[in-house]
Protein backbone atom coordinates (compact mmCIF):
# COMPACT_ATOMS: atom_id res chain seq x y z
CA UNK A 1 79.04 124.03 92.92
CA UNK A 2 81.40 122.57 95.53
CA UNK A 3 79.28 124.03 98.34
CA UNK A 4 76.17 122.55 96.77
CA UNK A 5 77.83 119.13 96.58
CA UNK A 6 78.89 119.35 100.23
CA UNK A 7 75.37 120.26 101.35
CA UNK A 8 73.90 117.36 99.38
CA UNK A 9 76.47 114.88 100.69
CA UNK A 10 75.62 115.91 104.25
CA UNK A 11 71.94 115.69 103.38
CA UNK A 12 72.36 112.17 102.03
CA UNK A 13 74.21 111.09 105.15
CA UNK A 14 71.59 112.52 107.50
CA UNK A 15 68.81 111.06 105.35
CA UNK A 16 70.28 107.58 105.61
CA UNK A 17 70.53 107.84 109.40
CA UNK A 18 67.44 109.78 110.46
CA UNK A 19 64.72 109.61 107.83
CA UNK A 20 61.87 107.17 107.85
CA UNK A 21 60.92 106.41 104.22
CA UNK A 22 57.40 105.46 103.20
CA UNK A 23 55.73 102.09 103.27
CA UNK A 24 56.07 100.89 99.67
CA UNK A 25 58.00 97.69 98.98
CA UNK A 26 61.80 97.63 98.98
CA UNK A 27 63.43 99.15 95.84
CA UNK A 28 60.08 100.01 94.18
CA UNK A 29 61.09 103.67 93.84
CA UNK A 30 63.99 102.81 91.56
CA UNK A 31 67.03 105.10 91.67
CA UNK A 32 67.66 108.61 90.35
CA UNK A 33 68.28 109.17 86.63
CA UNK A 34 70.77 111.71 85.29
CA UNK A 35 67.75 113.99 84.68
CA UNK A 36 66.48 113.81 88.27
CA UNK A 37 63.41 111.60 87.87
CA UNK A 38 62.95 108.12 89.32
CA UNK A 39 64.10 105.25 87.11
CA UNK A 40 67.52 103.83 86.29
CA UNK A 41 70.62 105.86 85.42
CA UNK A 42 69.74 106.82 81.82
CA UNK A 43 66.05 105.97 81.51
CA UNK A 44 63.07 107.10 83.63
CA UNK A 45 60.47 104.61 84.82
CA UNK A 46 56.78 104.85 85.63
CA UNK A 47 57.57 104.52 89.35
CA UNK A 48 57.77 107.65 91.48
CA UNK A 49 60.73 108.64 93.66
CA UNK A 50 61.13 107.22 97.14
CA UNK A 51 58.74 104.96 99.02
CA UNK A 52 55.66 107.13 99.63
CA UNK A 53 52.32 105.29 99.46
CA UNK A 54 49.00 106.88 98.52
CA UNK A 55 48.69 108.42 102.01
CA UNK A 56 52.30 109.58 102.41
CA UNK A 57 54.88 111.91 100.95
CA UNK A 58 58.63 111.47 100.60
CA UNK A 59 61.47 111.91 98.19
CA UNK A 60 65.14 111.48 97.30
CA UNK A 61 68.45 113.31 97.08
CA UNK A 62 71.16 112.03 94.74
CA UNK A 63 74.69 112.60 93.47
CA UNK A 64 75.95 110.97 90.25
CA UNK A 65 79.40 110.94 88.63
CA UNK A 66 80.56 109.47 85.30
CA UNK A 67 84.12 109.98 84.00
CA UNK A 68 84.01 109.17 80.27
CA UNK A 69 86.90 108.98 77.80
CA UNK A 70 86.88 112.70 76.92
CA UNK A 71 84.26 114.17 79.27
CA UNK A 72 83.09 113.98 82.87
CA UNK A 73 79.38 114.06 83.78
CA UNK A 74 78.21 115.20 87.23
CA UNK A 75 74.61 115.44 88.39
CA UNK A 76 73.06 116.83 91.58
CA UNK A 77 69.35 116.00 91.88
CA UNK A 78 66.38 115.91 94.22
CA UNK A 79 62.77 114.79 93.96
CA UNK A 80 59.62 114.76 96.09
CA UNK A 81 56.71 112.32 95.87
CA UNK A 82 53.20 113.29 96.96
CA UNK A 83 50.85 110.37 97.72
CA UNK A 84 52.51 108.16 95.11
CA UNK A 85 50.63 110.22 92.54
CA UNK A 86 52.85 113.19 91.69
CA UNK A 87 56.64 113.46 91.50
CA UNK A 88 58.43 116.82 91.22
CA UNK A 89 62.16 116.82 90.53
CA UNK A 90 65.07 119.14 89.87
CA UNK A 91 68.57 118.36 88.60
CA UNK A 92 71.71 120.19 87.56
CA UNK A 93 73.90 118.47 84.97
CA UNK A 94 77.50 119.47 84.35
CA UNK A 95 79.55 118.11 81.44
CA UNK A 96 83.24 118.91 81.91
CA UNK A 97 85.00 119.28 78.55
CA UNK A 98 88.15 117.44 79.56
CA UNK A 99 89.53 117.12 75.99
CA UNK A 100 87.82 119.93 74.06
CA UNK A 101 87.92 122.64 76.72
CA UNK A 102 91.04 124.45 75.50
CA UNK A 103 89.97 124.38 71.84
CA UNK A 104 86.46 125.68 72.62
CA UNK A 105 87.57 128.20 75.27
CA UNK A 106 84.93 126.70 77.57
CA UNK A 107 85.64 124.24 80.37
CA UNK A 108 82.13 122.85 80.84
CA UNK A 109 78.52 122.71 79.66
CA UNK A 110 75.69 122.90 82.15
CA UNK A 111 71.91 122.76 82.31
CA UNK A 112 69.07 122.72 84.84
CA UNK A 113 66.16 120.28 84.53
CA UNK A 114 62.77 120.76 86.18
CA UNK A 115 60.59 117.65 86.03
CA UNK A 116 57.09 116.49 86.88
CA UNK A 117 55.66 113.00 86.62
CA UNK A 118 52.11 111.88 87.33
CA UNK A 119 51.02 108.29 87.86
CA UNK A 120 48.14 107.73 85.47
CA UNK A 121 47.10 104.17 86.34
CA UNK A 122 48.16 100.84 87.75
CA UNK A 123 50.82 99.65 90.14
CA UNK A 124 54.29 98.35 89.28
CA UNK A 125 53.82 95.24 91.48
CA UNK A 126 50.10 94.56 91.73
CA UNK A 127 48.71 96.04 88.52
CA UNK A 128 47.84 93.50 85.84
CA UNK A 129 49.30 95.79 83.18
CA UNK A 130 51.93 97.40 85.37
CA UNK A 131 52.16 101.08 86.18
CA UNK A 132 51.84 103.94 83.68
CA UNK A 133 53.03 107.50 84.19
CA UNK A 134 53.26 110.68 82.13
CA UNK A 135 56.29 112.90 82.61
CA UNK A 136 57.55 116.30 81.50
CA UNK A 137 61.08 117.71 81.77
CA UNK A 138 61.78 121.38 81.13
CA UNK A 139 65.49 121.94 80.44
CA UNK A 140 67.38 125.24 80.53
CA UNK A 141 70.90 125.39 79.13
CA UNK A 142 73.16 127.61 81.25
CA UNK A 143 76.13 127.66 78.83
CA UNK A 144 74.71 128.26 75.35
CA UNK A 145 77.78 129.74 73.62
CA UNK A 146 79.14 126.40 72.44
CA UNK A 147 75.74 124.83 71.52
CA UNK A 148 74.81 127.94 69.50
CA UNK A 149 78.19 127.86 67.72
CA UNK A 150 77.66 124.24 66.57
CA UNK A 151 74.15 124.89 65.24
CA UNK A 152 71.66 124.53 68.12
CA UNK A 153 68.57 126.71 67.74
CA UNK A 154 67.36 127.14 71.33
CA UNK A 155 68.80 127.28 74.84
CA UNK A 156 65.75 125.65 76.44
CA UNK A 157 63.29 122.91 75.61
CA UNK A 158 60.73 120.54 77.07
CA UNK A 159 60.63 116.75 76.80
CA UNK A 160 57.39 114.81 77.26
CA UNK A 161 57.39 111.05 77.90
CA UNK A 162 55.07 108.14 78.64
CA UNK A 163 56.53 105.34 80.74
CA UNK A 164 55.21 101.87 81.55
CA UNK A 165 56.84 99.62 84.17
CA UNK A 166 55.99 96.13 85.46
CA UNK A 167 57.57 93.86 88.07
CA UNK A 168 56.98 90.18 87.33
CA UNK A 169 57.12 88.16 90.54
CA UNK A 170 58.96 84.81 90.44
CA UNK A 171 59.89 85.31 86.78
CA UNK A 172 63.23 84.31 85.23
CA UNK A 173 64.90 81.57 87.30
CA UNK A 174 62.35 82.22 90.00
CA UNK A 175 63.59 85.80 90.49
CA UNK A 176 61.55 88.98 90.22
CA UNK A 177 62.00 90.69 86.85
CA UNK A 178 61.47 94.40 86.16
CA UNK A 179 60.73 95.63 82.63
CA UNK A 180 60.23 99.23 81.54
CA UNK A 181 59.53 101.09 78.31
CA UNK A 182 59.41 104.80 77.47
CA UNK A 183 58.31 106.84 74.46
CA UNK A 184 59.72 110.36 74.58
CA UNK A 185 59.04 113.45 72.47
CA UNK A 186 62.16 115.62 72.37
CA UNK A 187 64.29 118.14 70.45
CA UNK A 188 67.24 117.90 72.84
CA UNK A 189 70.82 117.55 71.60
CA UNK A 190 72.83 115.30 73.93
CA UNK A 191 69.95 115.47 76.38
CA UNK A 192 69.96 119.28 76.17
CA UNK A 193 73.60 119.93 77.04
CA UNK A 194 74.12 120.95 73.38
CA UNK A 195 70.88 122.91 73.17
CA UNK A 196 67.66 122.07 71.37
CA UNK A 197 66.92 121.64 67.67
CA UNK A 198 69.55 122.26 65.04
CA UNK A 199 70.53 123.04 61.47
CA UNK A 200 69.85 119.42 60.47
CA UNK A 201 66.45 119.01 62.14
CA UNK A 202 64.31 121.31 64.28
CA UNK A 203 61.17 119.45 65.27
CA UNK A 204 60.03 117.04 67.94
CA UNK A 205 60.92 113.41 67.39
CA UNK A 206 59.53 110.33 69.11
CA UNK A 207 62.37 108.23 70.53
CA UNK A 208 62.28 104.94 72.42
CA UNK A 209 63.93 104.04 75.71
CA UNK A 210 63.91 100.75 77.60
CA UNK A 211 65.33 99.08 80.68
CA UNK A 212 65.14 95.70 82.36
CA UNK A 213 66.47 94.28 85.60
CA UNK A 214 66.70 91.04 87.56
CA UNK A 215 66.23 91.26 91.33
CA UNK A 216 68.62 88.73 92.85
CA UNK A 217 67.05 89.52 96.22
CA UNK A 218 65.53 92.64 97.73
CA UNK A 219 68.96 94.29 98.01
CA UNK A 220 70.55 93.62 94.60
CA UNK A 221 69.30 94.50 91.12
CA UNK A 222 71.20 93.69 87.90
CA UNK A 223 70.13 95.14 84.57
CA UNK A 224 70.66 97.27 81.52
CA UNK A 225 69.23 100.32 79.74
CA UNK A 226 68.98 101.60 76.18
CA UNK A 227 68.16 105.15 75.09
CA UNK A 228 67.59 106.50 71.61
CA UNK A 229 68.58 110.10 70.88
CA UNK A 230 67.66 112.45 68.04
CA UNK A 231 70.31 113.59 65.54
CA UNK A 232 69.70 117.32 64.93
CA UNK A 233 73.17 118.78 64.34
CA UNK A 234 75.08 118.39 61.09
CA UNK A 235 78.54 119.00 62.59
CA UNK A 236 78.55 115.70 64.49
CA UNK A 237 76.43 112.55 64.52
CA UNK A 238 74.59 111.79 67.75
CA UNK A 239 74.36 108.12 68.70
CA UNK A 240 72.18 106.13 71.08
CA UNK A 241 73.35 105.31 74.61
CA UNK A 242 73.23 102.20 76.77
CA UNK A 243 74.51 100.85 80.08
CA UNK A 244 74.84 97.74 82.22
CA UNK A 245 74.27 98.38 85.91
CA UNK A 246 74.10 96.93 89.39
CA UNK A 247 72.02 98.67 92.07
CA UNK A 248 72.46 97.92 95.77
CA UNK A 249 69.80 98.76 98.36
CA UNK A 250 71.50 98.07 101.71
CA UNK A 251 68.71 99.94 103.47
CA UNK A 252 65.40 101.48 102.44
CA UNK A 253 67.03 104.87 103.01
CA UNK A 254 70.02 104.33 100.72
CA UNK A 255 70.72 103.15 97.17
CA UNK A 256 74.06 102.82 95.40
CA UNK A 257 74.20 102.31 91.62
CA UNK A 258 77.31 101.39 89.65
CA UNK A 259 77.32 100.97 85.87
CA UNK A 260 79.36 100.79 82.70
CA UNK A 261 77.86 103.36 80.33
CA UNK A 262 78.40 104.07 76.63
CA UNK A 263 76.92 107.34 75.35
CA UNK A 264 78.25 106.96 71.81
CA UNK A 265 79.65 109.97 69.96
CA UNK A 266 79.51 113.32 71.78
CA UNK A 267 80.43 116.49 69.83
CA UNK A 268 82.45 114.52 67.30
CA UNK A 269 84.41 112.44 69.82
CA UNK A 270 83.44 108.79 69.36
CA UNK A 271 82.77 105.94 71.75
CA UNK A 272 82.34 107.92 74.97
CA UNK A 273 82.19 105.26 77.65
CA UNK A 274 83.21 104.83 81.25
CA UNK A 275 82.14 104.04 84.78
CA UNK A 276 79.08 105.54 86.44
CA UNK A 277 78.39 105.82 90.16
CA UNK A 278 75.32 107.23 91.86
CA UNK A 279 74.44 107.62 95.55
CA UNK A 280 70.81 108.18 96.55
CA UNK A 281 69.19 108.84 99.90
CA UNK A 282 65.43 108.41 100.44
CA UNK A 283 63.25 110.13 103.00
């Protein structure tokens, strides 16, 4: 894992210096979510990763880190964008069990996420009704002993979501305003880190996710996100998550996102909140 992080850090640095991103407008590729797709930190958007236009290809590499009260979340992710039509992404999530590790005889939970997103219609800036995309995320849990012990039924699952995003030019206080909504079908417990389905409920549920942001200028974006989650396991209630974030785009090749995130109760430990930092390079 440490070698992977080093390779990605070097990749991000070289990307920022050498790469020539595509020709789409500044910040219109969003940043990288904790599941690898383009969006915010918690919630995907209809936009595709990077800056590739309909005659180009490009992508992103990203590292994310969130030390919560009793856990630490780390994500390594990458995505490619073909002709601003198709996004393919991959991410590895690691949840360090800082408080529960000794009791569970397991120091972390981990999963891989393989994603695809296709732009169905519209454009986030110029489309009258914004941009609409359909996404799929196949998740494979790599540490299923703990999820199985607490009632999860499966070690893998697939989420399907529909996202709509729109940038309103000269909106609130004359600033550009970004709004985004997502409907997701999922069986994932804690996004999949605690497996899929459970003793309480074992079927797909439709959950809602949303985000909004205010572009102070082309380099700074302030906003927030909200994400519903299903509640499939009887041993511990799963709560919705939210964050408040600031994203900085000092260059088209680089994005830095900082946030305060609250993921609610995780595995019976309440009010899991903390700082979040993500570094993304675009090529």
